[in-house]
Amino acid sequence: MVRVITPARPPQPSPDGSPDGSVARAAPEPRTVPDRRAALRSGVALAAGTLAAGCSATGVVAHPVAASRTSVSPSANPAAASSANPSAKPAAAPAPRRFPQQPAEITHGPRDRPRVALTFHGQGDPAVAKALLGEAEKAGARVTVLAVGSWLDEHPGIARRILDGGHDLGNHTLRHLDINAMSEADAEAEIRGCADRLRRLTGSIGTWFRPSRTPSASALVAGVARRVGYPHVLSYDVDSLDYTSPGAPAVTRQVIGGVRDGSVVSLHFGYADTVAALPAVLEELGRRGLRAVTTTELLN
């Protein structure tokens, strides 16, 4: 019996360059496994982000629309930009500006444009502040926050949170005392003290100055503010009276009853009534065709 010997074929290269065909057949599996695992990890991360967006320490439930902000480009959303590149150094906050057509003390903006500025005195529980900022952002509104310096000392991260949300940030003195009753030296210490903290945290002294414990600055205080670097004192023409804790419906009525084109509204962080009233306020402003913008945008 004659044995026929078939010559062995040389090893055929696999698609990834390995000489062993069996290795080539097994090679796709290791490449697909990481893809499936990456997809699973992405799904878990997305679910966790959605849950985090839906709750806050104050019990305020965020609107589901907040989750859709993950699709906004970093250029349109400063907060998304910083999270996309955590190693990037945050840009310095805007500096104060002089508006030649405006008086030294500003109480309202142009009356011929459908815009209003919601301004918040910045102190109190930071969780409440973040809830208010979140409510404004969900409605597409931007606000102005006048921060107390001692509050920034206790909660330094809030300064960047405000700016990353696209809001204005300004100076509301160091300790929130009756600044009009102070000597020139003491008033300057109050204004500079808060300005120094803002500069350290954001690279700027903030865009606005509002005196504490008074709607209007005395001539002495206004002069000191200019010396520190604030061309204008920011007052208001609508007082929400939310600091009296009258209840959310009363806050809403007070704001909506007084607001009109160009209004600057005084509100406060730290009050539950304000958090509860803000959605209704924003809804009614929208119904009237009024857009809530930063004070800088109001005056531009």
Protein backbone atom coordinates (compact mmCIF):
# COMPACT_ATOMS: atom_id res chain seq x y z
CA MET A 1 0.00 0.00 0.00
CA VAL A 2 1.32 3.31 -1.10
CA ARG A 3 1.03 6.18 1.34
CA VAL A 4 0.36 9.52 -0.23
CA ILE A 5 2.00 12.32 1.65
CA THR A 6 0.47 15.74 1.10
CA PRO A 7 2.97 18.57 1.52
CA ALA A 8 2.15 20.78 4.47
CA ARG A 9 0.96 24.27 3.55
CA PRO A 10 3.01 27.15 4.96
CA PRO A 11 1.29 29.02 7.76
CA GLN A 12 -1.07 31.65 6.43
CA PRO A 13 -0.86 35.11 8.00
CA SER A 14 -3.88 36.22 9.95
CA PRO A 15 -5.47 39.65 9.42
CA ASP A 16 -3.57 41.03 12.43
CA GLY A 17 -0.23 39.79 11.09
CA SER A 18 0.19 36.71 13.30
CA PRO A 19 1.46 33.60 11.46
CA ASP A 20 -0.95 31.20 13.14
CA GLY A 21 -4.40 31.05 11.58
CA SER A 22 -5.92 29.75 14.80
CA VAL A 23 -4.78 32.85 16.61
CA ALA A 24 -6.34 34.95 13.90
CA ARG A 25 -9.71 33.24 14.41
CA ALA A 26 -9.63 33.90 18.13
CA ALA A 27 -8.34 37.45 17.84
CA PRO A 28 -11.70 39.21 17.23
CA GLU A 29 -13.10 38.08 20.60
CA PRO A 30 -10.62 40.05 22.76
CA ARG A 31 -11.34 43.12 20.64
CA THR A 32 -15.11 42.89 21.09
CA VAL A 33 -15.10 42.24 24.83
CA PRO A 34 -13.69 45.68 25.79
CA ASP A 35 -16.28 47.33 23.55
CA ARG A 36 -19.13 45.60 25.38
CA ARG A 37 -17.61 46.44 28.74
CA ALA A 38 -17.15 50.07 27.72
CA ALA A 39 -20.78 50.24 26.71
CA LEU A 40 -21.84 48.78 30.04
CA ARG A 41 -19.65 51.26 31.90
CA SER A 42 -21.13 54.14 29.87
CA GLY A 43 -24.65 52.98 30.66
CA VAL A 44 -23.91 52.81 34.37
CA ALA A 45 -22.31 56.23 34.34
CA LEU A 46 -25.26 57.72 32.49
CA ALA A 47 -27.72 56.21 34.95
CA ALA A 48 -25.73 57.52 37.89
CA GLY A 49 -25.61 60.99 36.36
CA THR A 50 -29.36 60.97 35.82
CA LEU A 51 -29.98 60.02 39.43
CA ALA A 52 -27.61 62.69 40.68
CA ALA A 53 -29.36 65.32 38.56
CA GLY A 54 -32.72 64.28 39.93
CA CYS A 55 -32.02 64.88 43.61
CA SER A 56 -30.51 67.49 45.86
CA ALA A 57 -29.70 67.75 49.54
CA THR A 58 -32.65 70.08 50.01
CA GLY A 59 -35.18 67.61 48.66
CA VAL A 60 -35.78 69.76 45.58
CA VAL A 61 -36.26 67.43 42.64
CA ALA A 62 -34.52 68.61 39.52
CA HIS A 63 -36.55 68.63 36.29
CA PRO A 64 -35.65 65.85 33.85
CA VAL A 65 -34.67 68.52 31.31
CA ALA A 66 -31.48 69.01 33.34
CA ALA A 67 -30.23 65.61 32.16
CA SER A 68 -30.41 66.73 28.54
CA ARG A 69 -27.73 69.34 29.16
CA THR A 70 -25.13 66.63 28.75
CA SER A 71 -25.68 67.01 24.99
CA VAL A 72 -24.87 70.74 25.01
CA SER A 73 -21.49 71.59 23.54
CA PRO A 74 -18.84 72.81 25.98
CA SER A 75 -18.69 76.17 24.23
CA ALA A 76 -22.38 76.72 24.96
CA ASN A 77 -22.17 75.47 28.52
CA PRO A 78 -19.19 76.61 30.64
CA ALA A 79 -19.85 73.93 33.24
CA ALA A 80 -19.71 71.23 30.56
CA ALA A 81 -16.46 72.68 29.27
CA SER A 82 -14.76 72.47 32.66
CA SER A 83 -15.96 68.90 33.23
CA ALA A 84 -14.84 67.87 29.73
CA ASN A 85 -11.33 69.12 30.45
CA PRO A 86 -10.86 69.08 34.24
CA SER A 87 -7.18 69.97 33.95
CA ALA A 88 -7.94 73.24 32.14
CA LYS A 89 -7.47 76.35 34.25
CA PRO A 90 -10.78 78.27 34.55
CA ALA A 91 -10.82 81.60 32.78
CA ALA A 92 -10.86 84.71 34.93
CA ALA A 93 -14.33 86.05 35.64
CA PRO A 94 -15.46 89.26 33.89
CA ALA A 95 -14.34 92.52 35.49
CA PRO A 96 -16.62 95.48 36.31
CA ARG A 97 -17.66 97.60 33.35
CA ARG A 98 -18.70 101.19 32.99
CA PHE A 99 -21.95 101.79 31.15
CA PRO A 100 -21.77 105.41 29.92
CA GLN A 101 -25.53 105.74 29.48
CA GLN A 102 -26.25 104.56 33.03
CA PRO A 103 -26.13 106.57 36.28
CA ALA A 104 -23.68 105.88 39.09
CA GLU A 105 -26.44 103.98 40.92
CA ILE A 106 -28.41 101.66 38.66
CA THR A 107 -31.97 100.77 39.65
CA HIS A 108 -33.20 99.39 36.32
CA GLY A 109 -32.25 98.79 32.73
CA PRO A 110 -33.75 100.02 29.44
CA ARG A 111 -37.54 100.17 29.50
CA ASP A 112 -37.90 99.43 25.80
CA ARG A 113 -36.65 95.82 25.83
CA PRO A 114 -38.48 92.77 27.27
CA ARG A 115 -35.74 91.78 29.70
CA VAL A 116 -35.45 91.72 33.49
CA ALA A 117 -32.60 90.97 35.89
CA LEU A 118 -33.21 88.71 38.89
CA THR A 119 -30.54 89.58 41.45
CA PHE A 120 -29.82 87.47 44.52
CA HIS A 121 -28.13 88.49 47.76
CA GLY A 122 -25.66 85.64 48.19
CA GLN A 123 -25.51 83.99 51.58
CA GLY A 124 -27.19 81.14 53.47
CA ASP A 125 -27.32 77.39 52.88
CA PRO A 126 -25.33 76.63 49.69
CA ALA A 127 -27.68 73.74 48.90
CA VAL A 128 -30.55 76.23 48.66
CA ALA A 129 -28.41 78.50 46.48
CA LYS A 130 -27.60 75.62 44.12
CA ALA A 131 -31.28 74.63 43.98
CA LEU A 132 -32.19 78.18 42.94
CA LEU A 133 -29.47 78.27 40.31
CA GLY A 134 -30.65 74.94 38.97
CA GLU A 135 -34.26 76.13 38.74
CA ALA A 136 -33.17 79.23 36.83
CA GLU A 137 -30.99 77.25 34.43
CA LYS A 138 -33.74 74.74 33.67
CA ALA A 139 -35.91 77.63 32.53
CA GLY A 140 -33.09 79.10 30.42
CA ALA A 141 -32.75 82.06 32.80
CA ARG A 142 -29.54 83.68 33.99
CA VAL A 143 -29.28 85.66 37.21
CA THR A 144 -26.96 87.99 39.10
CA VAL A 145 -25.54 86.94 42.47
CA LEU A 146 -24.12 89.53 44.89
CA ALA A 147 -22.05 87.41 47.25
CA VAL A 148 -21.17 88.15 50.87
CA GLY A 149 -17.43 87.70 51.44
CA SER A 150 -17.74 85.69 54.65
CA TRP A 151 -20.12 83.34 52.82
CA LEU A 152 -17.47 82.77 50.16
CA ASP A 153 -14.97 81.97 52.92
CA GLU A 154 -17.27 79.21 54.17
CA HIS A 155 -18.28 77.91 50.73
CA PRO A 156 -15.54 78.83 48.22
CA GLY A 157 -16.78 76.43 45.55
CA ILE A 158 -20.03 78.35 45.11
CA ALA A 159 -18.26 81.20 43.29
CA ARG A 160 -17.17 78.97 40.42
CA ARG A 161 -20.56 77.21 40.38
CA ILE A 162 -22.27 80.56 39.80
CA LEU A 163 -19.92 81.56 37.00
CA ASP A 164 -19.99 78.14 35.33
CA GLY A 165 -23.77 78.44 35.12
CA GLY A 166 -23.43 81.59 33.03
CA HIS A 167 -24.51 83.97 35.80
CA ASP A 168 -23.11 87.31 36.94
CA LEU A 169 -21.18 87.37 40.23
CA GLY A 170 -20.62 90.50 42.30
CA ASN A 171 -19.72 92.00 45.67
CA HIS A 172 -22.17 92.39 48.57
CA THR A 173 -19.56 93.42 51.19
CA LEU A 174 -17.52 91.25 53.50
CA ARG A 175 -19.84 90.80 56.48
CA HIS A 176 -23.24 92.16 55.35
CA LEU A 177 -23.38 94.98 57.90
CA ASP A 178 -24.99 98.42 57.61
CA ILE A 179 -22.37 99.90 55.33
CA ASN A 180 -23.95 103.37 55.11
CA ALA A 181 -23.43 103.77 58.86
CA MET A 182 -19.70 103.06 58.65
CA SER A 183 -16.71 105.34 58.50
CA GLU A 184 -14.92 105.62 55.18
CA ALA A 185 -12.12 103.32 56.35
CA ASP A 186 -14.54 100.67 57.60
CA ALA A 187 -16.66 100.84 54.46
CA GLU A 188 -13.56 100.40 52.34
CA ALA A 189 -12.50 97.39 54.40
CA GLU A 190 -15.92 95.82 53.80
CA ILE A 191 -15.85 96.38 50.06
CA ARG A 192 -12.19 95.47 49.57
CA GLY A 193 -12.51 92.43 51.80
CA CYS A 194 -15.17 90.89 49.55
CA ALA A 195 -13.37 92.05 46.40
CA ASP A 196 -10.19 90.30 47.53
CA ARG A 197 -12.03 87.04 48.07
CA LEU A 198 -13.70 87.23 44.69
CA ARG A 199 -10.36 87.92 43.02
CA ARG A 200 -8.70 84.99 44.80
CA LEU A 201 -11.50 82.60 43.82
CA THR A 202 -12.28 83.81 40.30
CA GLY A 203 -9.51 86.13 39.11
CA SER A 204 -11.82 89.17 39.20
CA ILE A 205 -13.41 91.45 41.81
CA GLY A 206 -16.79 90.65 40.28
CA THR A 207 -18.96 92.57 37.86
CA TRP A 208 -21.13 94.48 40.36
CA PHE A 209 -21.21 96.01 43.81
CA ARG A 210 -24.37 96.20 45.93
CA PRO A 211 -24.28 97.84 49.37
CA SER A 212 -25.43 95.79 52.33
CA ARG A 213 -28.45 96.52 54.53
CA THR A 214 -29.66 99.27 52.22
CA PRO A 215 -31.07 99.59 48.71
CA SER A 216 -29.01 102.72 48.00
CA ALA A 217 -25.42 103.64 48.76
CA SER A 218 -24.50 106.90 50.42
CA ALA A 219 -22.25 109.24 48.45
CA LEU A 220 -19.34 108.16 50.67
CA VAL A 221 -19.93 104.45 50.01
CA ALA A 222 -20.42 105.00 46.27
CA GLY A 223 -17.12 106.88 46.16
CA VAL A 224 -15.30 104.11 48.00
CA ALA A 225 -16.80 101.52 45.63
CA ARG A 226 -15.47 103.47 42.64
CA ARG A 227 -12.04 103.61 44.24
CA VAL A 228 -12.05 99.83 44.71
CA GLY A 229 -12.97 99.36 41.06
CA TYR A 230 -16.77 99.38 40.71
CA PRO A 231 -18.02 102.15 38.38
CA HIS A 232 -21.65 101.60 39.40
CA VAL A 233 -23.66 100.69 42.48
CA LEU A 234 -26.35 98.13 41.65
CA SER A 235 -29.68 98.81 43.31
CA TYR A 236 -33.16 97.60 42.19
CA ASP A 237 -36.69 98.76 41.45
CA VAL A 238 -38.58 95.64 42.61
CA ASP A 239 -38.18 94.23 46.12
CA SER A 240 -39.50 90.68 46.46
CA LEU A 241 -39.59 90.92 50.30
CA ASP A 242 -38.69 87.23 50.32
CA TYR A 243 -36.48 87.77 53.38
CA THR A 244 -39.66 88.31 55.43
CA SER A 245 -40.67 84.68 54.65
CA PRO A 246 -44.22 85.61 53.57
CA GLY A 247 -44.78 82.34 51.69
CA ALA A 248 -44.08 81.44 48.08
CA PRO A 249 -47.37 82.80 46.64
CA ALA A 250 -46.75 86.18 48.29
CA VAL A 251 -43.21 86.33 46.89
CA THR A 252 -44.53 85.53 43.41
CA ARG A 253 -47.24 88.20 43.65
CA GLN A 254 -44.77 90.79 44.90
CA VAL A 255 -42.36 90.20 42.03
CA ILE A 256 -44.91 89.86 39.25
CA GLY A 257 -46.93 92.82 40.53
CA GLY A 258 -43.95 95.19 40.23
CA VAL A 259 -41.86 93.88 37.37
CA ARG A 260 -41.80 95.43 33.90
CA ASP A 261 -39.39 95.87 31.01
CA GLY A 262 -35.90 96.58 32.36
CA SER A 263 -36.67 95.82 36.01
CA VAL A 264 -33.99 94.75 38.47
CA VAL A 265 -35.51 92.45 41.11
CA SER A 266 -34.06 91.92 44.59
CA LEU A 267 -34.20 88.32 45.86
CA HIS A 268 -32.22 86.30 48.40
CA PHE A 269 -30.51 82.95 48.68
CA GLY A 270 -31.19 81.08 51.88
CA TYR A 271 -34.99 81.27 51.98
CA ALA A 272 -37.23 78.30 51.19
CA ASP A 273 -40.01 80.61 49.99
CA THR A 274 -37.72 81.91 47.25
CA VAL A 275 -36.93 78.41 46.00
CA ALA A 276 -40.61 77.53 45.95
CA ALA A 277 -41.61 80.77 44.24
CA LEU A 278 -38.97 80.87 41.51
CA PRO A 279 -40.57 78.40 39.05
CA ALA A 280 -43.86 80.33 39.15
CA VAL A 281 -42.03 83.64 38.78
CA LEU A 282 -40.10 82.40 35.76
CA GLU A 283 -43.22 80.88 34.21
CA GLU A 284 -45.14 84.14 34.56
CA LEU A 285 -42.24 86.18 33.18
CA GLY A 286 -42.19 83.88 30.17
CA ARG A 287 -45.94 84.22 29.71
CA ARG A 288 -45.51 87.99 29.60
CA GLY A 289 -42.68 87.72 27.11
CA LEU A 290 -40.04 88.87 29.62
CA ARG A 291 -36.67 87.15 29.58
CA ALA A 292 -34.59 86.80 32.77
CA VAL A 293 -30.99 87.77 31.97
CA THR A 294 -27.86 88.81 33.85
CA THR A 295 -27.56 92.46 34.77
CA THR A 296 -24.68 92.79 32.30
CA GLU A 297 -26.91 91.54 29.48
CA LEU A 298 -29.78 93.73 30.66
CA LEU A 299 -27.64 96.84 30.17
CA ASN A 300 -25.80 95.83 26.98
